[in-house]
Amino acid sequence: MIKVFLITVTIIALLIYFLPSVIVYNKNRRCFWLIFLLNLFLGWTILVWFVCLIMAFTNKQRVRR
């Protein structure tokens, strides 16, 4: 029972941690890799996580040709 709880909490925590990257990916934004790498390596600093979240909502959409 505790094992299932820990796995569930871990999955939810990872989804919250990578939320800016998920938003950028779903909105098809230009700088997905930049935000993903910043989030991966510096997202734990909270400040960078919020910067990535703001970038995810304000960055322009990728042009499709």
C-alpha atoms as a PDB file:
ATOM      1  CA  MET A   1       0.000   0.000   0.000  1.00  0.00           C
ATOM      2  CA  ILE A   2       2.774   2.434   0.892  1.00  0.00           C
ATOM      3  CA  LYS A   3       4.659   1.488  -2.274  1.00  0.00           C
ATOM      4  CA  VAL A   4       1.704   2.475  -4.472  1.00  0.00           C
ATOM      5  CA  PHE A   5       1.385   5.753  -2.581  1.00  0.00           C
ATOM      6  CA  LEU A   6       5.069   6.576  -3.060  1.00  0.00           C
ATOM      7  CA  ILE A   7       4.924   5.794  -6.786  1.00  0.00           C
ATOM      8  CA  THR A   8       1.832   7.983  -7.178  1.00  0.00           C
ATOM      9  CA  VAL A   9       3.414  10.875  -5.284  1.00  0.00           C
ATOM     10  CA  THR A  10       6.606  10.556  -7.351  1.00  0.00           C
ATOM     11  CA  ILE A  11       4.692  10.660 -10.642  1.00  0.00           C
ATOM     12  CA  ILE A  12       2.673  13.693  -9.537  1.00  0.00           C
ATOM     13  CA  ALA A  13       5.834  15.469  -8.343  1.00  0.00           C
ATOM     14  CA  LEU A  14       7.576  14.828 -11.678  1.00  0.00           C
ATOM     15  CA  LEU A  15       4.564  16.120 -13.606  1.00  0.00           C
ATOM     16  CA  ILE A  16       4.551  19.312 -11.552  1.00  0.00           C
ATOM     17  CA  TYR A  17       8.333  19.685 -11.906  1.00  0.00           C
ATOM     18  CA  PHE A  18       8.164  19.338 -15.697  1.00  0.00           C
ATOM     19  CA  LEU A  19       4.942  21.331 -16.089  1.00  0.00           C
ATOM     20  CA  PRO A  20       6.616  24.172 -18.068  1.00  0.00           C
ATOM     21  CA  SER A  21       8.093  21.645 -20.500  1.00  0.00           C
ATOM     22  CA  VAL A  22       4.759  19.882 -20.928  1.00  0.00           C
ATOM     23  CA  ILE A  23       3.011  23.196 -21.640  1.00  0.00           C
ATOM     24  CA  VAL A  24       5.625  24.198 -24.225  1.00  0.00           C
ATOM     25  CA  TYR A  25       5.433  20.818 -25.910  1.00  0.00           C
ATOM     26  CA  ASN A  26       1.639  20.877 -26.110  1.00  0.00           C
ATOM     27  CA  LYS A  27       1.541  24.447 -27.423  1.00  0.00           C
ATOM     28  CA  ASN A  28       4.158  23.618 -30.088  1.00  0.00           C
ATOM     29  CA  ARG A  29       6.456  26.466 -29.044  1.00  0.00           C
ATOM     30  CA  ARG A  30       9.790  27.356 -30.611  1.00  0.00           C
ATOM     31  CA  CYS A  31      12.083  26.932 -27.647  1.00  0.00           C
ATOM     32  CA  PHE A  32      10.971  23.555 -26.285  1.00  0.00           C
ATOM     33  CA  TRP A  33      14.522  22.268 -25.863  1.00  0.00           C
ATOM     34  CA  LEU A  34      15.707  25.427 -24.137  1.00  0.00           C
ATOM     35  CA  ILE A  35      12.899  25.324 -21.609  1.00  0.00           C
ATOM     36  CA  PHE A  36      13.220  21.568 -21.157  1.00  0.00           C
ATOM     37  CA  LEU A  37      16.964  21.754 -20.434  1.00  0.00           C
ATOM     38  CA  LEU A  38      16.600  24.751 -18.132  1.00  0.00           C
ATOM     39  CA  ASN A  39      13.814  22.973 -16.326  1.00  0.00           C
ATOM     40  CA  LEU A  40      15.776  19.731 -16.095  1.00  0.00           C
ATOM     41  CA  PHE A  41      18.999  21.196 -14.711  1.00  0.00           C
ATOM     42  CA  LEU A  42      17.905  24.373 -12.918  1.00  0.00           C
ATOM     43  CA  GLY A  43      14.201  23.896 -12.239  1.00  0.00           C
ATOM     44  CA  TRP A  44      14.901  22.938  -8.635  1.00  0.00           C
ATOM     45  CA  THR A  45      15.816  26.557  -7.906  1.00  0.00           C
ATOM     46  CA  ILE A  46      12.118  27.584  -8.072  1.00  0.00           C
ATOM     47  CA  LEU A  47      13.106  30.944  -9.601  1.00  0.00           C
ATOM     48  CA  VAL A  48      14.165  29.265 -12.855  1.00  0.00           C
ATOM     49  CA  TRP A  49      11.060  27.068 -12.682  1.00  0.00           C
ATOM     50  CA  PHE A  50       8.862  30.178 -12.617  1.00  0.00           C
ATOM     51  CA  VAL A  51      10.900  31.756 -15.444  1.00  0.00           C
ATOM     52  CA  CYS A  52      10.362  28.592 -17.516  1.00  0.00           C
ATOM     53  CA  LEU A  53       6.645  28.677 -16.716  1.00  0.00           C
ATOM     54  CA  ILE A  54       6.388  32.305 -17.821  1.00  0.00           C
ATOM     55  CA  MET A  55       8.360  31.538 -20.985  1.00  0.00           C
ATOM     56  CA  ALA A  56       6.023  28.628 -21.693  1.00  0.00           C
ATOM     57  CA  PHE A  57       3.024  30.944 -21.748  1.00  0.00           C
ATOM     58  CA  THR A  58       4.599  33.938 -23.487  1.00  0.00           C
ATOM     59  CA  ASN A  59       6.820  32.436 -26.178  1.00  0.00           C
ATOM     60  CA  LYS A  60       5.657  32.606 -29.796  1.00  0.00           C
ATOM     61  CA  GLN A  61       4.335  29.593 -31.648  1.00  0.00           C
ATOM     62  CA  ARG A  62       6.504  27.698 -34.127  1.00  0.00           C
ATOM     63  CA  VAL A  63       5.838  28.550 -37.774  1.00  0.00           C
ATOM     64  CA  ARG A  64       4.811  25.547 -39.859  1.00  0.00           C
ATOM     65  CA  ARG A  65       5.882  25.503 -43.489  1.00  0.00           C
END
